[in-house]
C-alpha cells in the first residue's frame, strides 16, 4: 500500500554533487525507518544511508562524510545529498522503507531483507 518514487539522478563530473529525492505515498508513516541503497553493475545491492524515527542516521564507510540523508516528515519526503562524487559512486540508487507493524523504528539496519517497500530507482553516473 506504500509507493516510493525516486528522482534527481543524472550524470555529473567527478567531484560534483547531486541531490536525490524520494516521495512516499499511500499508507505511509513518517516514523518508518528509511534507507538509500545502491547497486552497481556486477555488484550486490548495498545500503548507503539509513534514518530512523528519531532522525538518527548511519552511513556506509564508503560514503561517510560525503553523503547526507535527511527527511521532510510533513511532506513524506526523503533526501540524499551527495557531494564529492566519485566514479565508484556510479550505480542505480533506490529508496526503501520498513513498517515494523506501523510502530516506531530505531533499527538502523543495512540488511536489504529488512525493508518492505522499494522505489524503482534512479541512475547516478559520475565520470572523471
Protein backbone atom coordinates (compact mmCIF):
# COMPACT_ATOMS: atom_id res chain seq x y z
CA UNK A 1 0.00 0.00 0.00
CA UNK A 2 3.09 2.24 0.06
CA UNK A 3 4.65 3.73 -3.04
CA UNK A 4 8.12 5.26 -3.19
CA UNK A 5 9.28 7.34 -6.14
CA UNK A 6 12.88 8.48 -6.54
CA UNK A 7 14.11 11.38 -8.62
CA UNK A 8 17.19 13.55 -9.02
CA UNK A 9 19.64 11.16 -10.63
CA UNK A 10 21.79 12.12 -13.57
CA UNK A 11 25.30 12.36 -14.95
CA UNK A 12 27.93 14.53 -13.29
CA UNK A 13 31.68 15.00 -13.37
CA UNK A 14 33.74 13.53 -10.56
CA UNK A 15 33.79 15.95 -7.65
CA UNK A 16 30.29 17.18 -8.38
CA UNK A 17 27.09 16.98 -6.37
CA UNK A 18 23.57 15.63 -6.74
CA UNK A 19 20.51 15.60 -4.51
CA UNK A 20 18.20 12.60 -4.70
CA UNK A 21 14.58 12.78 -3.58
CA UNK A 22 12.17 10.02 -2.58
CA UNK A 23 8.48 10.80 -2.18
CA UNK A 24 6.31 8.33 -0.24
CA UNK A 25 2.57 7.96 -0.68
CA UNK A 26 -0.20 5.60 0.34
CA UNK A 27 -0.37 4.02 3.79
CA UNK A 28 2.94 5.54 4.87
CA UNK A 29 4.02 6.95 8.23
CA UNK A 30 6.95 9.29 8.70
CA UNK A 31 8.12 7.26 11.71
CA UNK A 32 9.13 4.37 9.44
CA UNK A 33 12.82 3.67 9.11
CA UNK A 34 14.02 4.56 5.64
CA UNK A 35 17.18 3.93 3.68
CA UNK A 36 19.05 4.54 0.48
CA UNK A 37 20.57 1.57 -1.32
CA UNK A 38 22.63 1.41 -4.48
CA UNK A 39 23.63 -1.27 -6.93
CA UNK A 40 26.47 -1.02 -9.41
CA UNK A 41 26.84 -3.41 -12.35
CA UNK A 42 28.20 -6.76 -11.21
CA UNK A 43 27.86 -5.91 -7.52
CA UNK A 44 25.41 -6.67 -4.73
CA UNK A 45 22.87 -4.07 -3.72
CA UNK A 46 24.18 -2.29 -0.64
CA UNK A 47 22.78 0.10 1.94
CA UNK A 48 24.35 3.55 1.84
CA UNK A 49 22.40 5.59 4.40
CA UNK A 50 19.68 4.85 6.97
CA UNK A 51 17.46 7.15 9.05
CA UNK A 52 15.15 6.14 11.92
CA UNK A 53 12.07 7.52 13.69
CA UNK A 54 14.18 9.92 15.75
CA UNK A 55 16.17 11.07 12.69
CA UNK A 56 19.24 9.21 13.85
CA UNK A 57 21.38 8.26 10.85
CA UNK A 58 24.02 5.78 9.86
CA UNK A 59 26.20 5.60 6.76
CA UNK A 60 28.29 3.10 4.90
CA UNK A 61 32.00 3.73 5.26
CA UNK A 62 32.27 4.32 1.53
CA UNK A 63 30.07 7.45 1.69
CA UNK A 64 30.68 8.70 5.24
CA UNK A 65 31.44 12.41 5.19
CA UNK A 66 30.31 12.85 1.59
CA UNK A 67 26.61 11.90 1.64
CA UNK A 68 23.87 13.18 3.97
CA UNK A 69 20.42 11.65 4.43
CA UNK A 70 17.52 13.73 5.73
CA UNK A 71 13.74 13.87 5.53
CA UNK A 72 10.83 16.26 5.49
CA UNK A 73 8.23 14.45 7.59
CA UNK A 74 5.42 16.84 6.70
CA UNK A 75 5.90 16.06 3.01
CA UNK A 76 6.74 12.34 3.39
CA UNK A 77 9.96 13.02 1.53
CA UNK A 78 13.43 11.54 1.94
CA UNK A 79 16.59 13.15 0.58
CA UNK A 80 20.14 12.08 -0.15
CA UNK A 81 22.60 14.92 -0.64
CA UNK A 82 25.65 13.56 -2.42
CA UNK A 83 28.88 15.52 -2.66
CA UNK A 84 32.42 14.88 -3.86
CA UNK A 85 31.09 12.22 -6.19
CA UNK A 86 33.50 9.59 -7.44
CA UNK A 87 33.30 7.22 -10.41
CA UNK A 88 32.84 4.42 -7.86
CA UNK A 89 29.52 6.03 -6.86
CA UNK A 90 28.04 5.20 -10.26
CA UNK A 91 25.03 2.97 -9.59
CA UNK A 92 21.28 2.70 -9.54
CA UNK A 93 20.07 4.29 -6.31
CA UNK A 94 16.96 3.01 -4.53
CA UNK A 95 14.78 4.37 -1.77
CA UNK A 96 13.45 1.82 0.75
CA UNK A 97 11.27 1.78 3.86
CA UNK A 98 10.25 -0.69 6.57
CA UNK A 99 6.97 -0.62 8.53
CA UNK A 100 7.71 -2.85 11.56
CA UNK A 101 3.98 -3.16 12.15
CA UNK A 102 3.49 0.58 11.80
CA UNK A 103 5.28 1.43 15.03
CA UNK A 104 8.40 3.38 15.80
CA UNK A 105 11.66 2.21 14.33
CA UNK A 106 15.07 2.62 15.92
CA UNK A 107 16.83 -0.10 13.97
CA UNK A 108 19.42 1.30 11.59
CA UNK A 109 19.62 -1.89 9.58
CA UNK A 110 21.78 -2.24 6.49
CA UNK A 111 20.14 -5.56 5.60
CA UNK A 112 18.19 -5.46 2.35
CA UNK A 113 15.65 -8.07 3.51
CA UNK A 114 14.55 -5.88 6.43
CA UNK A 115 12.97 -3.37 4.05
CA UNK A 116 9.44 -3.91 2.80
CA UNK A 117 8.84 -1.10 0.34
CA UNK A 118 11.05 -0.12 -2.58
CA UNK A 119 11.18 2.51 -5.27
CA UNK A 120 12.08 1.81 -8.88
CA UNK A 121 15.47 3.52 -8.69
CA UNK A 122 17.22 6.49 -10.22
CA UNK A 123 20.52 6.26 -12.08
CA UNK A 124 23.59 8.20 -10.92
CA UNK A 125 26.67 8.36 -13.11
CA UNK A 126 29.87 10.11 -12.04
CA UNK A 127 32.64 10.30 -14.62
CA UNK A 128 36.21 11.55 -14.44
